[in-house]
Amino acid sequence: MSASPAPDGAAAEARCPHTGTVARFFRALSDPTRLKLLEFVLAGERTSADCVAHVGISQPRVSVHLSCLVNCGYVVARRDGRKQRYSVGDPRVADFVVLARALAADNATALTCCSRIPSGPG
């Protein structure tokens, strides 16, 4: 008895088992608030309060976004007394953000007109 063929997504995952991980890598940055926080932290170490003031949303929401960035490895956190400080732990993150901005600028018209990706806040 032969196995039924795998759906296209499963077949692709079988050929490249890291595809899901790479997709999650991009998904972590797909939120405009997380991207704004990441770019803010790229300029230097920031406290939670700095981040709240920069993005203008509540501290609990900023903490959720920062936790995502830390858990995904974009940002590192360190305790400094009662404060939590955030910085970029891998300099390639800065290179990646610069490259992403350049690619987005070069493809701005196509990205703006794309009906497959829903527009979100930001």
PDB file of N, CA and C in Angstrom:
ATOM      1  N   MET A   1       0.845  -1.172   0.000  1.00  0.00           N
ATOM      2  CA  MET A   1       0.000   0.000   0.000  1.00  0.00           C
ATOM      3  C   MET A   1       0.887   1.230   0.000  1.00  0.00           C
ATOM      4  N   SER A   2       0.694   2.156  -0.938  1.00  0.00           N
ATOM      5  CA  SER A   2       1.532   3.347  -1.016  1.00  0.00           C
ATOM      6  C   SER A   2       0.920   4.478  -0.209  1.00  0.00           C
ATOM      7  N   ALA A   3       1.791   5.316   0.302  1.00  0.00           N
ATOM      8  CA  ALA A   3       1.334   6.468   1.083  1.00  0.00           C
ATOM      9  C   ALA A   3       0.735   7.502   0.149  1.00  0.00           C
ATOM     10  N   SER A   4      -0.234   8.226   0.640  1.00  0.00           N
ATOM     11  CA  SER A   4      -0.820   9.277  -0.174  1.00  0.00           C
ATOM     12  C   SER A   4       0.168  10.418  -0.307  1.00  0.00           C
ATOM     13  N   PRO A   5       0.128  11.124  -1.426  1.00  0.00           N
ATOM     14  CA  PRO A   5       1.083  12.214  -1.614  1.00  0.00           C
ATOM     15  C   PRO A   5       0.877  13.309  -0.573  1.00  0.00           C
ATOM     16  N   ALA A   6       1.979  13.884  -0.161  1.00  0.00           N
ATOM     17  CA  ALA A   6       1.921  14.972   0.819  1.00  0.00           C
ATOM     18  C   ALA A   6       1.449  16.246   0.137  1.00  0.00           C
ATOM     19  N   PRO A   7       0.730  17.102   0.871  1.00  0.00           N
ATOM     20  CA  PRO A   7       0.368  18.400   0.302  1.00  0.00           C
ATOM     21  C   PRO A   7       1.628  19.172  -0.068  1.00  0.00           C
ATOM     22  N   ASP A   8       1.479  20.134  -0.971  1.00  0.00           N
ATOM     23  CA  ASP A   8       2.640  20.900  -1.445  1.00  0.00           C
ATOM     24  C   ASP A   8       3.478  21.470  -0.311  1.00  0.00           C
ATOM     25  N   GLY A   9       2.857  22.040   0.704  1.00  0.00           N
ATOM     26  CA  GLY A   9       3.589  22.619   1.826  1.00  0.00           C
ATOM     27  C   GLY A   9       4.398  21.575   2.573  1.00  0.00           C
ATOM     28  N   ALA A  10       3.810  20.388   2.761  1.00  0.00           N
ATOM     29  CA  ALA A  10       4.517  19.320   3.463  1.00  0.00           C
ATOM     30  C   ALA A  10       5.678  18.800   2.624  1.00  0.00           C
ATOM     31  N   ALA A  11       5.481  18.737   1.302  1.00  0.00           N
ATOM     32  CA  ALA A  11       6.555  18.289   0.417  1.00  0.00           C
ATOM     33  C   ALA A  11       7.722  19.269   0.462  1.00  0.00           C
ATOM     34  N   ALA A  12       7.412  20.543   0.444  1.00  0.00           N
ATOM     35  CA  ALA A  12       8.465  21.558   0.518  1.00  0.00           C
ATOM     36  C   ALA A  12       9.208  21.451   1.844  1.00  0.00           C
ATOM     37  N   GLU A  13       8.477  21.219   2.922  1.00  0.00           N
ATOM     38  CA  GLU A  13       9.098  21.098   4.245  1.00  0.00           C
ATOM     39  C   GLU A  13       9.996  19.861   4.302  1.00  0.00           C
ATOM     40  N   ALA A  14       9.587  18.789   3.622  1.00  0.00           N
ATOM     41  CA  ALA A  14      10.411  17.578   3.598  1.00  0.00           C
ATOM     42  C   ALA A  14      11.723  17.833   2.862  1.00  0.00           C
ATOM     43  N   ARG A  15      11.667  18.632   1.798  1.00  0.00           N
ATOM     44  CA  ARG A  15      12.883  18.946   1.036  1.00  0.00           C
ATOM     45  C   ARG A  15      13.783  19.908   1.797  1.00  0.00           C
ATOM     46  N   CYS A  16      13.211  20.824   2.518  1.00  0.00           N
ATOM     47  CA  CYS A  16      13.972  21.832   3.256  1.00  0.00           C
ATOM     48  C   CYS A  16      13.357  21.951   4.651  1.00  0.00           C
ATOM     49  N   PRO A  17      13.815  21.144   5.594  1.00  0.00           N
ATOM     50  CA  PRO A  17      13.175  21.097   6.906  1.00  0.00           C
ATOM     51  C   PRO A  17      13.261  22.396   7.701  1.00  0.00           C
ATOM     52  N   HIS A  18      14.065  23.337   7.271  1.00  0.00           N
ATOM     53  CA  HIS A  18      14.192  24.594   8.014  1.00  0.00           C
ATOM     54  C   HIS A  18      13.271  25.684   7.486  1.00  0.00           C
ATOM     55  N   THR A  19      12.474  25.381   6.483  1.00  0.00           N
ATOM     56  CA  THR A  19      11.584  26.384   5.903  1.00  0.00           C
ATOM     57  C   THR A  19      10.662  26.983   6.957  1.00  0.00           C
ATOM     58  N   GLY A  20      10.105  26.150   7.822  1.00  0.00           N
ATOM     59  CA  GLY A  20       9.220  26.647   8.870  1.00  0.00           C
ATOM     60  C   GLY A  20       9.940  27.575   9.828  1.00  0.00           C
ATOM     61  N   THR A  21      11.175  27.264  10.143  1.00  0.00           N
ATOM     62  CA  THR A  21      11.959  28.111  11.035  1.00  0.00           C
ATOM     63  C   THR A  21      12.246  29.457  10.384  1.00  0.00           C
ATOM     64  N   VAL A  22      12.574  29.431   9.109  1.00  0.00           N
ATOM     65  CA  VAL A  22      12.843  30.680   8.391  1.00  0.00           C
ATOM     66  C   VAL A  22      11.566  31.517   8.310  1.00  0.00           C
ATOM     67  N   ALA A  23      10.434  30.866   8.074  1.00  0.00           N
ATOM     68  CA  ALA A  23       9.163  31.595   8.029  1.00  0.00           C
ATOM     69  C   ALA A  23       8.886  32.257   9.383  1.00  0.00           C
ATOM     70  N   ARG A  24       9.166  31.556  10.465  1.00  0.00           N
ATOM     71  CA  ARG A  24       8.974  32.140  11.795  1.00  0.00           C
ATOM     72  C   ARG A  24       9.928  33.312  12.014  1.00  0.00           C
ATOM     73  N   PHE A  25      11.142  33.211  11.474  1.00  0.00           N
ATOM     74  CA  PHE A  25      12.123  34.304  11.542  1.00  0.00           C
ATOM     75  C   PHE A  25      11.511  35.579  10.969  1.00  0.00           C
ATOM     76  N   PHE A  26      10.883  35.470   9.804  1.00  0.00           N
ATOM     77  CA  PHE A  26      10.264  36.635   9.182  1.00  0.00           C
ATOM     78  C   PHE A  26       8.982  37.042   9.903  1.00  0.00           C
ATOM     79  N   ARG A  27       8.233  36.070  10.383  1.00  0.00           N
ATOM     80  CA  ARG A  27       6.974  36.382  11.062  1.00  0.00           C
ATOM     81  C   ARG A  27       7.209  37.232  12.311  1.00  0.00           C
ATOM     82  N   ALA A  28       8.303  36.966  13.011  1.00  0.00           N
ATOM     83  CA  ALA A  28       8.617  37.747  14.208  1.00  0.00           C
ATOM     84  C   ALA A  28       8.796  39.221  13.878  1.00  0.00           C
ATOM     85  N   LEU A  29       9.217  39.515  12.661  1.00  0.00           N
ATOM     86  CA  LEU A  29       9.431  40.907  12.249  1.00  0.00           C
ATOM     87  C   LEU A  29       8.263  41.473  11.452  1.00  0.00           C
ATOM     88  N   SER A  30       7.225  40.689  11.255  1.00  0.00           N
ATOM     89  CA  SER A  30       6.116  41.152  10.427  1.00  0.00           C
ATOM     90  C   SER A  30       5.202  42.133  11.160  1.00  0.00           C
ATOM     91  N   ASP A  31       5.360  42.245  12.459  1.00  0.00           N
ATOM     92  CA  ASP A  31       4.555  43.198  13.222  1.00  0.00           C
ATOM     93  C   ASP A  31       5.253  44.559  13.222  1.00  0.00           C
ATOM     94  N   PRO A  32       4.560  45.609  12.793  1.00  0.00           N
ATOM     95  CA  PRO A  32       5.193  46.936  12.728  1.00  0.00           C
ATOM     96  C   PRO A  32       5.749  47.426  14.071  1.00  0.00           C
ATOM     97  N   THR A  33       5.071  47.111  15.164  1.00  0.00           N
ATOM     98  CA  THR A  33       5.564  47.549  16.477  1.00  0.00           C
ATOM     99  C   THR A  33       6.865  46.844  16.820  1.00  0.00           C
ATOM    100  N   ARG A  34       6.949  45.536  16.566  1.00  0.00           N
ATOM    101  CA  ARG A  34       8.199  44.814  16.848  1.00  0.00           C
ATOM    102  C   ARG A  34       9.338  45.341  15.989  1.00  0.00           C
ATOM    103  N   LEU A  35       9.049  45.606  14.725  1.00  0.00           N
ATOM    104  CA  LEU A  35      10.090  46.138  13.844  1.00  0.00           C
ATOM    105  C   LEU A  35      10.551  47.516  14.317  1.00  0.00           C
ATOM    106  N   LYS A  36       9.614  48.338  14.732  1.00  0.00           N
ATOM    107  CA  LYS A  36       9.963  49.665  15.249  1.00  0.00           C
ATOM    108  C   LYS A  36      10.818  49.548  16.517  1.00  0.00           C
ATOM    109  N   LEU A  37      10.460  48.623  17.397  1.00  0.00           N
ATOM    110  CA  LEU A  37      11.257  48.404  18.605  1.00  0.00           C
ATOM    111  C   LEU A  37      12.649  47.883  18.270  1.00  0.00           C
ATOM    112  N   LEU A  38      12.721  46.958  17.342  1.00  0.00           N
ATOM    113  CA  LEU A  38      14.024  46.415  16.958  1.00  0.00           C
ATOM    114  C   LEU A  38      14.918  47.513  16.396  1.00  0.00           C
ATOM    115  N   GLU A  39      14.379  48.325  15.515  1.00  0.00           N
ATOM    116  CA  GLU A  39      15.172  49.416  14.935  1.00  0.00           C
ATOM    117  C   GLU A  39      15.610  50.407  16.005  1.00  0.00           C
ATOM    118  N   PHE A  40      14.769  50.636  17.003  1.00  0.00           N
ATOM    119  CA  PHE A  40      15.101  51.541  18.104  1.00  0.00           C
ATOM    120  C   PHE A  40      16.260  50.973  18.922  1.00  0.00           C
ATOM    121  N   VAL A  41      16.218  49.686  19.198  1.00  0.00           N
ATOM    122  CA  VAL A  41      17.264  49.030  19.988  1.00  0.00           C
ATOM    123  C   VAL A  41      18.567  48.920  19.195  1.00  0.00           C
ATOM    124  N   LEU A  42      18.474  48.904  17.874  1.00  0.00           N
ATOM    125  CA  LEU A  42      19.690  48.847  17.054  1.00  0.00           C
ATOM    126  C   LEU A  42      20.611  50.035  17.313  1.00  0.00           C
ATOM    127  N   ALA A  43      20.032  51.168  17.685  1.00  0.00           N
ATOM    128  CA  ALA A  43      20.817  52.385  17.912  1.00  0.00           C
ATOM    129  C   ALA A  43      21.577  52.355  19.234  1.00  0.00           C
ATOM    130  N   GLY A  44      21.264  51.409  20.107  1.00  0.00           N
ATOM    131  CA  GLY A  44      21.949  51.323  21.393  1.00  0.00           C
ATOM    132  C   GLY A  44      21.055  50.694  22.438  1.00  0.00           C
ATOM    133  N   GLU A  45      21.637  50.376  23.570  1.00  0.00           N
ATOM    134  CA  GLU A  45      20.884  49.739  24.644  1.00  0.00           C
ATOM    135  C   GLU A  45      19.748  50.638  25.116  1.00  0.00           C
ATOM    136  N   ARG A  46      18.596  50.031  25.350  1.00  0.00           N
ATOM    137  CA  ARG A  46      17.399  50.791  25.758  1.00  0.00           C
ATOM    138  C   ARG A  46      16.728  50.104  26.936  1.00  0.00           C
ATOM    139  N   THR A  47      16.097  50.907  27.778  1.00  0.00           N
ATOM    140  CA  THR A  47      15.293  50.345  28.869  1.00  0.00           C
ATOM    141  C   THR A  47      13.870  50.140  28.362  1.00  0.00           C
ATOM    142  N   SER A  48      13.090  49.415  29.149  1.00  0.00           N
ATOM    143  CA  SER A  48      11.682  49.226  28.813  1.00  0.00           C
ATOM    144  C   SER A  48      10.977  50.584  28.716  1.00  0.00           C
ATOM    145  N   ALA A  49      11.291  51.474  29.647  1.00  0.00           N
ATOM    146  CA  ALA A  49      10.665  52.804  29.648  1.00  0.00           C
ATOM    147  C   ALA A  49      11.025  53.574  28.376  1.00  0.00           C
ATOM    148  N   ASP A  50      12.269  53.464  27.928  1.00  0.00           N
ATOM    149  CA  ASP A  50      12.671  54.097  26.663  1.00  0.00           C
ATOM    150  C   ASP A  50      11.810  53.573  25.520  1.00  0.00           C
ATOM    151  N   CYS A  51      11.618  52.273  25.511  1.00  0.00           N
ATOM    152  CA  CYS A  51      10.857  51.631  24.435  1.00  0.00           C
ATOM    153  C   CYS A  51       9.392  52.053  24.463  1.00  0.00           C
ATOM    154  N   VAL A  52       8.812  52.131  25.652  1.00  0.00           N
ATOM    155  CA  VAL A  52       7.415  52.571  25.790  1.00  0.00           C
ATOM    156  C   VAL A  52       7.269  53.985  25.248  1.00  0.00           C
ATOM    157  N   ALA A  53       8.179  54.868  25.632  1.00  0.00           N
ATOM    158  CA  ALA A  53       8.120  56.257  25.156  1.00  0.00           C
ATOM    159  C   ALA A  53       8.286  56.325  23.644  1.00  0.00           C
ATOM    160  N   HIS A  54       9.129  55.479  23.092  1.00  0.00           N
ATOM    161  CA  HIS A  54       9.397  55.512  21.647  1.00  0.00           C
ATOM    162  C   HIS A  54       8.202  55.056  20.821  1.00  0.00           C
ATOM    163  N   VAL A  55       7.569  53.971  21.224  1.00  0.00           N
ATOM    164  CA  VAL A  55       6.468  53.441  20.398  1.00  0.00           C
ATOM    165  C   VAL A  55       5.102  53.967  20.808  1.00  0.00           C
ATOM    166  N   GLY A  56       5.002  54.511  22.018  1.00  0.00           N
ATOM    167  CA  GLY A  56       3.754  55.149  22.432  1.00  0.00           C
ATOM    168  C   GLY A  56       2.600  54.197  22.706  1.00  0.00           C
ATOM    169  N   ILE A  57       2.897  52.992  23.152  1.00  0.00           N
ATOM    170  CA  ILE A  57       1.836  52.067  23.564  1.00  0.00           C
ATOM    171  C   ILE A  57       2.102  51.662  25.008  1.00  0.00           C
ATOM    172  N   SER A  58       1.187  50.935  25.595  1.00  0.00           N
ATOM    173  CA  SER A  58       1.301  50.597  27.010  1.00  0.00           C
ATOM    174  C   SER A  58       2.512  49.712  27.301  1.00  0.00           C
ATOM    175  N   GLN A  59       2.985  49.820  28.538  1.00  0.00           N
ATOM    176  CA  GLN A  59       4.146  49.035  28.961  1.00  0.00           C
ATOM    177  C   GLN A  59       3.890  47.533  28.820  1.00  0.00           C
ATOM    178  N   PRO A  60       2.710  47.014  29.212  1.00  0.00           N
ATOM    179  CA  PRO A  60       2.496  45.570  29.042  1.00  0.00           C
ATOM    180  C   PRO A  60       2.567  45.123  27.577  1.00  0.00           C
ATOM    181  N   ARG A  61       2.051  45.915  26.669  1.00  0.00           N
ATOM    182  CA  ARG A  61       2.122  45.546  25.240  1.00  0.00           C
ATOM    183  C   ARG A  61       3.556  45.605  24.726  1.00  0.00           C
ATOM    184  N   VAL A  62       4.307  46.613  25.158  1.00  0.00           N
ATOM    185  CA  VAL A  62       5.720  46.701  24.772  1.00  0.00           C
ATOM    186  C   VAL A  62       6.474  45.489  25.311  1.00  0.00           C
ATOM    187  N   SER A  63       6.187  45.096  26.539  1.00  0.00           N
ATOM    188  CA  SER A  63       6.855  43.932  27.127  1.00  0.00           C
ATOM    189  C   SER A  63       6.588  42.658  26.334  1.00  0.00           C
ATOM    190  N   VAL A  64       5.372  42.494  25.851  1.00  0.00           N
ATOM    191  CA  VAL A  64       5.038  41.322  25.039  1.00  0.00           C
ATOM    192  C   VAL A  64       5.870  41.329  23.753  1.00  0.00           C
ATOM    193  N   HIS A  65       5.948  42.477  23.102  1.00  0.00           N
ATOM    194  CA  HIS A  65       6.722  42.578  21.863  1.00  0.00           C
ATOM    195  C   HIS A  65       8.219  42.362  22.121  1.00  0.00           C
ATOM    196  N   LEU A  66       8.745  42.954  23.193  1.00  0.00           N
ATOM    197  CA  LEU A  66      10.156  42.767  23.512  1.00  0.00           C
ATOM    198  C   LEU A  66      10.451  41.309  23.861  1.00  0.00           C
ATOM    199  N   SER A  67       9.529  40.666  24.575  1.00  0.00           N
ATOM    200  CA  SER A  67       9.711  39.247  24.895  1.00  0.00           C
ATOM    201  C   SER A  67       9.792  38.407  23.637  1.00  0.00           C
ATOM    202  N   CYS A  68       8.970  38.726  22.651  1.00  0.00           N
ATOM    203  CA  CYS A  68       9.018  38.017  21.372  1.00  0.00           C
ATOM    204  C   CYS A  68      10.385  38.205  20.725  1.00  0.00           C
ATOM    205  N   LEU A  69      10.868  39.435  20.691  1.00  0.00           N
ATOM    206  CA  LEU A  69      12.169  39.713  20.078  1.00  0.00           C
ATOM    207  C   LEU A  69      13.301  39.007  20.819  1.00  0.00           C
ATOM    208  N   VAL A  70      13.195  38.933  22.137  1.00  0.00           N
ATOM    209  CA  VAL A  70      14.205  38.219  22.925  1.00  0.00           C
ATOM    210  C   VAL A  70      14.106  36.718  22.658  1.00  0.00           C
ATOM    211  N   ASN A  71      12.900  36.175  22.728  1.00  0.00           N
ATOM    212  CA  ASN A  71      12.710  34.733  22.531  1.00  0.00           C
ATOM    213  C   ASN A  71      13.134  34.280  21.141  1.00  0.00           C
ATOM    214  N   CYS A  72      12.996  35.148  20.155  1.00  0.00           N
ATOM    215  CA  CYS A  72      13.376  34.799  18.783  1.00  0.00           C
ATOM    216  C   CYS A  72      14.848  35.072  18.499  1.00  0.00           C
ATOM    217  N   GLY A  73      15.549  35.666  19.446  1.00  0.00           N
ATOM    218  CA  GLY A  73      16.983  35.851  19.309  1.00  0.00           C
ATOM    219  C   GLY A  73      17.428  37.139  18.639  1.00  0.00           C
ATOM    220  N   TYR A  74      16.515  38.051  18.391  1.00  0.00           N
ATOM    221  CA  TYR A  74      16.896  39.328  17.786  1.00  0.00           C
ATOM    222  C   TYR A  74      17.510  40.271  18.808  1.00  0.00           C
ATOM    223  N   VAL A  75      17.038  40.180  20.034  1.00  0.00           N
ATOM    224  CA  VAL A  75      17.404  41.116  21.084  1.00  0.00           C
ATOM    225  C   VAL A  75      17.812  40.315  22.320  1.00  0.00           C
ATOM    226  N   VAL A  76      18.732  40.862  23.098  1.00  0.00           N
ATOM    227  CA  VAL A  76      19.082  40.270  24.389  1.00  0.00           C
ATOM    228  C   VAL A  76      18.654  41.235  25.486  1.00  0.00           C
ATOM    229  N   ALA A  77      18.290  40.665  26.617  1.00  0.00           N
ATOM    230  CA  ALA A  77      17.859  41.471  27.758  1.00  0.00           C
ATOM    231  C   ALA A  77      18.810  41.217  28.922  1.00  0.00           C
ATOM    232  N   ARG A  78      19.047  42.265  29.673  1.00  0.00           N
ATOM    233  CA  ARG A  78      19.846  42.104  30.886  1.00  0.00           C
ATOM    234  C   ARG A  78      19.219  42.921  31.999  1.00  0.00           C
ATOM    235  N   ARG A  79      19.289  42.375  33.184  1.00  0.00           N
ATOM    236  CA  ARG A  79      18.747  43.035  34.359  1.00  0.00           C
ATOM    237  C   ARG A  79      19.785  44.013  34.885  1.00  0.00           C
ATOM    238  N   ASP A  80      19.349  45.247  35.175  1.00  0.00           N
ATOM    239  CA  ASP A  80      20.205  46.280  35.752  1.00  0.00           C
ATOM    240  C   ASP A  80      19.444  46.863  36.933  1.00  0.00           C
ATOM    241  N   GLY A  81      19.624  46.242  38.095  1.00  0.00           N
ATOM    242  CA  GLY A  81      18.830  46.645  39.249  1.00  0.00           C
ATOM    243  C   GLY A  81      17.372  46.296  39.004  1.00  0.00           C
ATOM    244  N   ARG A  82      16.539  47.308  39.046  1.00  0.00           N
ATOM    245  CA  ARG A  82      15.108  47.092  38.808  1.00  0.00           C
ATOM    246  C   ARG A  82      14.734  47.244  37.343  1.00  0.00           C
ATOM    247  N   LYS A  83      15.677  47.667  36.537  1.00  0.00           N
ATOM    248  CA  LYS A  83      15.397  47.909  35.120  1.00  0.00           C
ATOM    249  C   LYS A  83      15.823  46.727  34.262  1.00  0.00           C
ATOM    250  N   GLN A  84      15.108  46.561  33.192  1.00  0.00           N
ATOM    251  CA  GLN A  84      15.488  45.595  32.168  1.00  0.00           C
ATOM    252  C   GLN A  84      16.033  46.408  30.994  1.00  0.00           C
ATOM    253  N   ARG A  85      17.190  46.017  30.500  1.00  0.00           N
ATOM    254  CA  ARG A  85      17.801  46.722  29.377  1.00  0.00           C
ATOM    255  C   ARG A  85      17.879  45.783  28.182  1.00  0.00           C
ATOM    256  N   TYR A  86      17.630  46.352  27.010  1.00  0.00           N
ATOM    257  CA  TYR A  86      17.579  45.562  25.779  1.00  0.00           C
ATOM    258  C   TYR A  86      18.616  46.065  24.788  1.00  0.00           C
ATOM    259  N   SER A  87      19.253  45.126  24.108  1.00  0.00           N
ATOM    260  CA  SER A  87      20.215  45.465  23.064  1.00  0.00           C
ATOM    261  C   SER A  87      20.211  44.350  22.029  1.00  0.00           C
ATOM    262  N   VAL A  88      20.839  44.627  20.909  1.00  0.00           N
ATOM    263  CA  VAL A  88      20.951  43.633  19.846  1.00  0.00           C
ATOM    264  C   VAL A  88      22.180  42.782  20.142  1.00  0.00           C
ATOM    265  N   GLY A  89      21.993  41.479  20.192  1.00  0.00           N
ATOM    266  CA  GLY A  89      23.076  40.583  20.532  1.00  0.00           C
ATOM    267  C   GLY A  89      23.908  40.121  19.352  1.00  0.00           C
ATOM    268  N   ASP A  90      23.377  40.247  18.149  1.00  0.00           N
ATOM    269  CA  ASP A  90      24.070  39.767  16.954  1.00  0.00           C
ATOM    270  C   ASP A  90      24.108  40.902  15.936  1.00  0.00           C
ATOM    271  N   PRO A  91      25.300  41.380  15.563  1.00  0.00           N
ATOM    272  CA  PRO A  91      25.388  42.521  14.645  1.00  0.00           C
ATOM    273  C   PRO A  91      24.770  42.242  13.268  1.00  0.00           C
ATOM    274  N   ARG A  92      24.569  40.982  12.917  1.00  0.00           N
ATOM    275  CA  ARG A  92      23.935  40.670  11.637  1.00  0.00           C
ATOM    276  C   ARG A  92      22.494  41.144  11.588  1.00  0.00           C
ATOM    277  N   VAL A  93      21.879  41.321  12.758  1.00  0.00           N
ATOM    278  CA  VAL A  93      20.502  41.821  12.794  1.00  0.00           C
ATOM    279  C   VAL A  93      20.446  43.211  12.166  1.00  0.00           C
ATOM    280  N   ALA A  94      21.404  44.063  12.488  1.00  0.00           N
ATOM    281  CA  ALA A  94      21.448  45.408  11.905  1.00  0.00           C
ATOM    282  C   ALA A  94      21.611  45.322  10.395  1.00  0.00           C
ATOM    283  N   ASP A  95      22.509  44.460   9.939  1.00  0.00           N
ATOM    284  CA  ASP A  95      22.703  44.284   8.499  1.00  0.00           C
ATOM    285  C   ASP A  95      21.420  43.818   7.830  1.00  0.00           C
ATOM    286  N   PHE A  96      20.727  42.904   8.486  1.00  0.00           N
ATOM    287  CA  PHE A  96      19.484  42.370   7.935  1.00  0.00           C
ATOM    288  C   PHE A  96      18.423  43.458   7.806  1.00  0.00           C
ATOM    289  N   VAL A  97      18.284  44.290   8.833  1.00  0.00           N
ATOM    290  CA  VAL A  97      17.274  45.354   8.803  1.00  0.00           C
ATOM    291  C   VAL A  97      17.609  46.372   7.710  1.00  0.00           C
ATOM    292  N   VAL A  98      18.876  46.729   7.561  1.00  0.00           N
ATOM    293  CA  VAL A  98      19.293  47.658   6.501  1.00  0.00           C
ATOM    294  C   VAL A  98      18.971  47.066   5.125  1.00  0.00           C
ATOM    295  N   LEU A  99      19.300  45.790   4.938  1.00  0.00           N
ATOM    296  CA  LEU A  99      19.004  45.119   3.669  1.00  0.00           C
ATOM    297  C   LEU A  99      17.504  45.049   3.417  1.00  0.00           C
ATOM    298  N   ALA A 100      16.731  44.720   4.440  1.00  0.00           N
ATOM    299  CA  ALA A 100      15.274  44.640   4.285  1.00  0.00           C
ATOM    300  C   ALA A 100      14.692  45.994   3.893  1.00  0.00           C
ATOM    301  N   ARG A 101      15.175  47.060   4.521  1.00  0.00           N
ATOM    302  CA  ARG A 101      14.693  48.405   4.171  1.00  0.00           C
ATOM    303  C   ARG A 101      15.030  48.739   2.721  1.00  0.00           C
ATOM    304  N   ALA A 102      16.237  48.397   2.285  1.00  0.00           N
ATOM    305  CA  ALA A 102      16.644  48.677   0.908  1.00  0.00           C
ATOM    306  C   ALA A 102      15.789  47.879  -0.083  1.00  0.00           C
ATOM    307  N   LEU A 103      15.566  46.605   0.205  1.00  0.00           N
ATOM    308  CA  LEU A 103      14.723  45.785  -0.668  1.00  0.00           C
ATOM    309  C   LEU A 103      13.288  46.307  -0.710  1.00  0.00           C
ATOM    310  N   ALA A 104      12.766  46.702   0.448  1.00  0.00           N
ATOM    311  CA  ALA A 104      11.411  47.248   0.496  1.00  0.00           C
ATOM    312  C   ALA A 104      11.321  48.546  -0.304  1.00  0.00           C
ATOM    313  N   ALA A 105      12.329  49.390  -0.200  1.00  0.00           N
ATOM    314  CA  ALA A 105      12.330  50.643  -0.963  1.00  0.00           C
ATOM    315  C   ALA A 105      12.375  50.366  -2.463  1.00  0.00           C
ATOM    316  N   ASP A 106      13.207  49.411  -2.860  1.00  0.00           N
ATOM    317  CA  ASP A 106      13.327  49.075  -4.282  1.00  0.00           C
ATOM    318  C   ASP A 106      12.057  48.447  -4.840  1.00  0.00           C
ATOM    319  N   ASN A 107      11.268  47.844  -3.972  1.00  0.00           N
ATOM    320  CA  ASN A 107      10.048  47.156  -4.407  1.00  0.00           C
ATOM    321  C   ASN A 107       8.790  47.790  -3.833  1.00  0.00           C
ATOM    322  N   ALA A 108       8.873  49.062  -3.477  1.00  0.00           N
ATOM    323  CA  ALA A 108       7.763  49.739  -2.796  1.00  0.00           C
ATOM    324  C   ALA A 108       6.460  49.694  -3.585  1.00  0.00           C
ATOM    325  N   THR A 109       6.521  49.933  -4.870  1.00  0.00           N
ATOM    326  CA  THR A 109       5.301  49.938  -5.674  1.00  0.00           C
ATOM    327  C   THR A 109       4.651  48.559  -5.670  1.00  0.00           C
ATOM    328  N   ALA A 110       5.432  47.533  -5.909  1.00  0.00           N
ATOM    329  CA  ALA A 110       4.890  46.175  -5.926  1.00  0.00           C
ATOM    330  C   ALA A 110       4.339  45.789  -4.558  1.00  0.00           C
ATOM    331  N   LEU A 111       5.052  46.139  -3.500  1.00  0.00           N
ATOM    332  CA  LEU A 111       4.583  45.809  -2.161  1.00  0.00           C
ATOM    333  C   LEU A 111       3.295  46.549  -1.821  1.00  0.00           C
ATOM    334  N   THR A 112       3.199  47.795  -2.237  1.00  0.00           N
ATOM    335  CA  THR A 112       2.000  48.589  -1.979  1.00  0.00           C
ATOM    336  C   THR A 112       0.793  48.021  -2.716  1.00  0.00           C
ATOM    337  N   CYS A 113       1.020  47.536  -3.917  1.00  0.00           N
ATOM    338  CA  CYS A 113      -0.073  47.026  -4.751  1.00  0.00           C
ATOM    339  C   CYS A 113      -0.411  45.560  -4.490  1.00  0.00           C
ATOM    340  N   CYS A 114       0.402  44.861  -3.733  1.00  0.00           N
ATOM    341  CA  CYS A 114       0.180  43.428  -3.505  1.00  0.00           C
ATOM    342  C   CYS A 114      -1.123  43.216  -2.743  1.00  0.00           C
ATOM    343  N   SER A 115      -2.038  42.482  -3.365  1.00  0.00           N
ATOM    344  CA  SER A 115      -3.335  42.214  -2.720  1.00  0.00           C
ATOM    345  C   SER A 115      -3.309  40.914  -1.910  1.00  0.00           C
ATOM    346  N   ARG A 116      -2.220  40.175  -1.960  1.00  0.00           N
ATOM    347  CA  ARG A 116      -2.110  38.900  -1.244  1.00  0.00           C
ATOM    348  C   ARG A 116      -1.708  39.075   0.215  1.00  0.00           C
ATOM    349  N   ILE A 117      -1.038  40.185   0.520  1.00  0.00           N
ATOM    350  CA  ILE A 117      -0.598  40.442   1.889  1.00  0.00           C
ATOM    351  C   ILE A 117      -1.486  41.543   2.451  1.00  0.00           C
ATOM    352  N   PRO A 118      -2.244  41.243   3.502  1.00  0.00           N
ATOM    353  CA  PRO A 118      -3.138  42.265   4.050  1.00  0.00           C
ATOM    354  C   PRO A 118      -2.352  43.431   4.651  1.00  0.00           C
ATOM    355  N   SER A 119      -2.894  44.617   4.485  1.00  0.00           N
ATOM    356  CA  SER A 119      -2.282  45.790   5.094  1.00  0.00           C
ATOM    357  C   SER A 119      -2.618  45.781   6.570  1.00  0.00           C
ATOM    358  N   GLY A 120      -1.632  46.115   7.372  1.00  0.00           N
ATOM    359  CA  GLY A 120      -1.859  46.175   8.811  1.00  0.00           C
ATOM    360  C   GLY A 120      -1.519  47.555   9.312  1.00  0.00           C
ATOM    361  N   PRO A 121      -1.633  47.750  10.611  1.00  0.00           N
ATOM    362  CA  PRO A 121      -1.260  49.050  11.173  1.00  0.00           C
ATOM    363  C   PRO A 121       0.220  49.300  10.974  1.00  0.00           C
ATOM    364  N   GLY A 122       0.587  50.504  10.866  1.00  0.00           N
ATOM    365  CA  GLY A 122       2.009  50.814  10.753  1.00  0.00           C
ATOM    366  C   GLY A 122       2.236  51.765   9.687  1.00  0.00           C
TER     367      GLY A 122
END
